[in-house]
């Protein structure tokens, strides 16, 4: 038995994201999850549009590595490519979100605890 698993992006069976704070049809594929600590590793696929509401993760630090796509980051509106040579770390409890995806994007997320979001704003105006 091979201890390695190879996952080709073209073959991923994307699942609906259950978190309820996304504003577009975001899909995900959980790659690994620790049921005791809540730590989670997931690929997330974002279509164009405002991706999420402003939120925080009180129970987890969030680390992301962009794999493909393009994003406009609030509050300054800088448009940046999403690529594997860039990572972002968001500390536990820090507000983030209202991200506008300008090209379909795939991002690798890791939360070091339960990633349950707390929504900080109920509505985000779409540009």
C-alpha atoms as a PDB file:
ATOM      1  CA  UNK A   1       0.000   0.000   0.000  1.00  0.00           C
ATOM      2  CA  UNK A   2       1.327   3.426  -0.990  1.00  0.00           C
ATOM      3  CA  UNK A   3       1.434   5.891   1.956  1.00  0.00           C
ATOM      4  CA  UNK A   4       1.337   8.844  -0.459  1.00  0.00           C
ATOM      5  CA  UNK A   5      -1.744  10.299  -2.078  1.00  0.00           C
ATOM      6  CA  UNK A   6      -1.518  12.373  -5.233  1.00  0.00           C
ATOM      7  CA  UNK A   7      -4.294  14.856  -5.887  1.00  0.00           C
ATOM      8  CA  UNK A   8      -4.572  16.350  -9.355  1.00  0.00           C
ATOM      9  CA  UNK A   9      -6.475  19.647  -9.313  1.00  0.00           C
ATOM     10  CA  UNK A  10      -8.319  18.729 -12.508  1.00  0.00           C
ATOM     11  CA  UNK A  11      -9.705  15.612 -10.765  1.00  0.00           C
ATOM     12  CA  UNK A  12     -10.841  17.236  -7.505  1.00  0.00           C
ATOM     13  CA  UNK A  13     -14.430  16.631  -6.528  1.00  0.00           C
ATOM     14  CA  UNK A  14     -15.113  20.083  -5.090  1.00  0.00           C
ATOM     15  CA  UNK A  15     -17.618  20.318  -2.245  1.00  0.00           C
ATOM     16  CA  UNK A  16     -19.888  23.167  -1.197  1.00  0.00           C
ATOM     17  CA  UNK A  17     -18.329  25.215   1.546  1.00  0.00           C
ATOM     18  CA  UNK A  18     -20.378  24.919   4.762  1.00  0.00           C
ATOM     19  CA  UNK A  19     -19.227  28.040   6.560  1.00  0.00           C
ATOM     20  CA  UNK A  20     -22.090  30.373   5.533  1.00  0.00           C
ATOM     21  CA  UNK A  21     -20.150  33.629   5.279  1.00  0.00           C
ATOM     22  CA  UNK A  22     -19.114  33.330   1.649  1.00  0.00           C
ATOM     23  CA  UNK A  23     -20.973  35.596  -0.786  1.00  0.00           C
ATOM     24  CA  UNK A  24     -20.226  33.625  -3.959  1.00  0.00           C
ATOM     25  CA  UNK A  25     -20.290  29.932  -4.858  1.00  0.00           C
ATOM     26  CA  UNK A  26     -17.060  29.063  -3.074  1.00  0.00           C
ATOM     27  CA  UNK A  27     -16.026  25.401  -3.233  1.00  0.00           C
ATOM     28  CA  UNK A  28     -13.577  23.512  -1.077  1.00  0.00           C
ATOM     29  CA  UNK A  29     -11.801  20.211  -0.631  1.00  0.00           C
ATOM     30  CA  UNK A  30     -10.724  19.354   2.907  1.00  0.00           C
ATOM     31  CA  UNK A  31      -7.397  17.549   2.618  1.00  0.00           C
ATOM     32  CA  UNK A  32      -6.829  16.873   6.313  1.00  0.00           C
ATOM     33  CA  UNK A  33      -8.622  17.580   9.565  1.00  0.00           C
ATOM     34  CA  UNK A  34      -7.827  16.831  13.207  1.00  0.00           C
ATOM     35  CA  UNK A  35     -11.181  16.191  14.882  1.00  0.00           C
ATOM     36  CA  UNK A  36      -9.683  16.829  18.358  1.00  0.00           C
ATOM     37  CA  UNK A  37      -7.987  20.179  17.771  1.00  0.00           C
ATOM     38  CA  UNK A  38      -9.974  21.398  14.765  1.00  0.00           C
ATOM     39  CA  UNK A  39      -6.807  21.989  12.755  1.00  0.00           C
ATOM     40  CA  UNK A  40      -7.777  21.887   9.081  1.00  0.00           C
ATOM     41  CA  UNK A  41      -5.976  21.912   5.746  1.00  0.00           C
ATOM     42  CA  UNK A  42      -8.189  22.699   2.757  1.00  0.00           C
ATOM     43  CA  UNK A  43      -8.047  23.795  -0.859  1.00  0.00           C
ATOM     44  CA  UNK A  44     -10.575  26.538  -1.552  1.00  0.00           C
ATOM     45  CA  UNK A  45     -11.736  27.593  -5.016  1.00  0.00           C
ATOM     46  CA  UNK A  46     -13.141  31.109  -5.346  1.00  0.00           C
ATOM     47  CA  UNK A  47     -15.115  32.331  -8.375  1.00  0.00           C
ATOM     48  CA  UNK A  48     -14.963  35.989  -9.400  1.00  0.00           C
ATOM     49  CA  UNK A  49     -16.737  38.403  -7.048  1.00  0.00           C
ATOM     50  CA  UNK A  50     -16.692  39.491  -3.417  1.00  0.00           C
ATOM     51  CA  UNK A  51     -15.742  36.259  -1.702  1.00  0.00           C
ATOM     52  CA  UNK A  52     -16.631  36.708   1.942  1.00  0.00           C
ATOM     53  CA  UNK A  53     -17.965  38.865   4.732  1.00  0.00           C
ATOM     54  CA  UNK A  54     -15.619  40.513   7.197  1.00  0.00           C
ATOM     55  CA  UNK A  55     -14.983  37.908   9.852  1.00  0.00           C
ATOM     56  CA  UNK A  56     -12.476  36.535  12.337  1.00  0.00           C
ATOM     57  CA  UNK A  57     -11.479  33.107  13.605  1.00  0.00           C
ATOM     58  CA  UNK A  58     -11.254  33.387  17.405  1.00  0.00           C
ATOM     59  CA  UNK A  59     -10.150  29.760  17.731  1.00  0.00           C
ATOM     60  CA  UNK A  60      -7.499  29.555  15.020  1.00  0.00           C
ATOM     61  CA  UNK A  61      -4.646  31.280  13.295  1.00  0.00           C
ATOM     62  CA  UNK A  62      -5.139  31.177   9.521  1.00  0.00           C
ATOM     63  CA  UNK A  63      -2.361  30.597   7.050  1.00  0.00           C
ATOM     64  CA  UNK A  64      -2.893  30.802   3.292  1.00  0.00           C
ATOM     65  CA  UNK A  65      -0.771  30.054   0.265  1.00  0.00           C
ATOM     66  CA  UNK A  66      -2.147  31.224  -3.051  1.00  0.00           C
ATOM     67  CA  UNK A  67      -1.904  28.749  -5.891  1.00  0.00           C
ATOM     68  CA  UNK A  68      -3.593  30.543  -8.793  1.00  0.00           C
ATOM     69  CA  UNK A  69      -5.817  33.492  -9.607  1.00  0.00           C
ATOM     70  CA  UNK A  70      -6.008  37.185  -8.792  1.00  0.00           C
ATOM     71  CA  UNK A  71      -7.410  39.188  -5.884  1.00  0.00           C
ATOM     72  CA  UNK A  72      -8.207  42.792  -4.970  1.00  0.00           C
ATOM     73  CA  UNK A  73      -7.311  43.312  -1.328  1.00  0.00           C
ATOM     74  CA  UNK A  74      -9.219  45.732   0.898  1.00  0.00           C
ATOM     75  CA  UNK A  75      -8.906  48.425   2.088  1.00  0.00           C
ATOM     76  CA  UNK A  76      -6.513  49.881  -0.521  1.00  0.00           C
ATOM     77  CA  UNK A  77      -7.835  47.985  -3.574  1.00  0.00           C
ATOM     78  CA  UNK A  78      -4.463  46.705  -4.761  1.00  0.00           C
ATOM     79  CA  UNK A  79      -4.920  43.958  -7.368  1.00  0.00           C
ATOM     80  CA  UNK A  80      -2.371  41.203  -6.910  1.00  0.00           C
ATOM     81  CA  UNK A  81      -1.779  37.837  -8.540  1.00  0.00           C
ATOM     82  CA  UNK A  82      -2.325  34.803  -6.330  1.00  0.00           C
ATOM     83  CA  UNK A  83       0.746  32.640  -6.677  1.00  0.00           C
ATOM     84  CA  UNK A  84       2.669  30.039  -4.677  1.00  0.00           C
ATOM     85  CA  UNK A  85       5.539  32.338  -3.733  1.00  0.00           C
ATOM     86  CA  UNK A  86       3.263  34.341  -1.395  1.00  0.00           C
ATOM     87  CA  UNK A  87       1.794  33.346   1.930  1.00  0.00           C
ATOM     88  CA  UNK A  88      -0.379  35.214   4.395  1.00  0.00           C
ATOM     89  CA  UNK A  89      -0.766  34.611   8.122  1.00  0.00           C
ATOM     90  CA  UNK A  90      -3.775  36.052   9.929  1.00  0.00           C
ATOM     91  CA  UNK A  91      -3.562  35.895  13.700  1.00  0.00           C
ATOM     92  CA  UNK A  92      -6.291  34.355  15.789  1.00  0.00           C
ATOM     93  CA  UNK A  93      -9.166  36.820  16.227  1.00  0.00           C
ATOM     94  CA  UNK A  94      -7.992  39.356  13.601  1.00  0.00           C
ATOM     95  CA  UNK A  95     -10.703  40.748  11.312  1.00  0.00           C
ATOM     96  CA  UNK A  96     -10.298  40.029   7.611  1.00  0.00           C
ATOM     97  CA  UNK A  97     -12.399  39.393   4.526  1.00  0.00           C
ATOM     98  CA  UNK A  98     -14.391  41.466   2.010  1.00  0.00           C
ATOM     99  CA  UNK A  99     -11.880  40.191  -0.518  1.00  0.00           C
ATOM    100  CA  UNK A 100     -12.811  40.667  -4.167  1.00  0.00           C
ATOM    101  CA  UNK A 101     -11.627  37.887  -6.443  1.00  0.00           C
ATOM    102  CA  UNK A 102     -10.899  39.278  -9.914  1.00  0.00           C
ATOM    103  CA  UNK A 103     -10.047  35.895 -11.534  1.00  0.00           C
ATOM    104  CA  UNK A 104     -11.060  32.422 -10.393  1.00  0.00           C
ATOM    105  CA  UNK A 105      -8.588  31.492  -7.674  1.00  0.00           C
ATOM    106  CA  UNK A 106      -7.392  28.442  -5.768  1.00  0.00           C
ATOM    107  CA  UNK A 107      -5.893  28.937  -2.314  1.00  0.00           C
ATOM    108  CA  UNK A 108      -4.496  26.468   0.228  1.00  0.00           C
ATOM    109  CA  UNK A 109      -5.757  27.263   3.749  1.00  0.00           C
ATOM    110  CA  UNK A 110      -4.486  25.946   7.073  1.00  0.00           C
ATOM    111  CA  UNK A 111      -6.162  26.737  10.383  1.00  0.00           C
ATOM    112  CA  UNK A 112      -4.328  25.571  13.519  1.00  0.00           C
ATOM    113  CA  UNK A 113      -7.569  25.188  15.481  1.00  0.00           C
ATOM    114  CA  UNK A 114     -11.297  25.136  14.824  1.00  0.00           C
ATOM    115  CA  UNK A 115     -11.811  27.614  11.938  1.00  0.00           C
ATOM    116  CA  UNK A 116     -15.335  28.595  13.016  1.00  0.00           C
ATOM    117  CA  UNK A 117     -15.799  32.180  11.811  1.00  0.00           C
ATOM    118  CA  UNK A 118     -17.414  35.040  13.680  1.00  0.00           C
ATOM    119  CA  UNK A 119     -19.009  37.407  11.169  1.00  0.00           C
ATOM    120  CA  UNK A 120     -18.099  41.016  11.952  1.00  0.00           C
ATOM    121  CA  UNK A 121     -20.382  42.617   9.355  1.00  0.00           C
ATOM    122  CA  UNK A 122     -23.606  41.216   7.985  1.00  0.00           C
ATOM    123  CA  UNK A 123     -23.333  42.951   4.629  1.00  0.00           C
ATOM    124  CA  UNK A 124     -20.531  43.952   2.311  1.00  0.00           C
ATOM    125  CA  UNK A 125     -21.243  46.256  -0.598  1.00  0.00           C
ATOM    126  CA  UNK A 126     -20.237  44.722  -3.904  1.00  0.00           C
ATOM    127  CA  UNK A 127     -18.226  47.004  -6.211  1.00  0.00           C
END
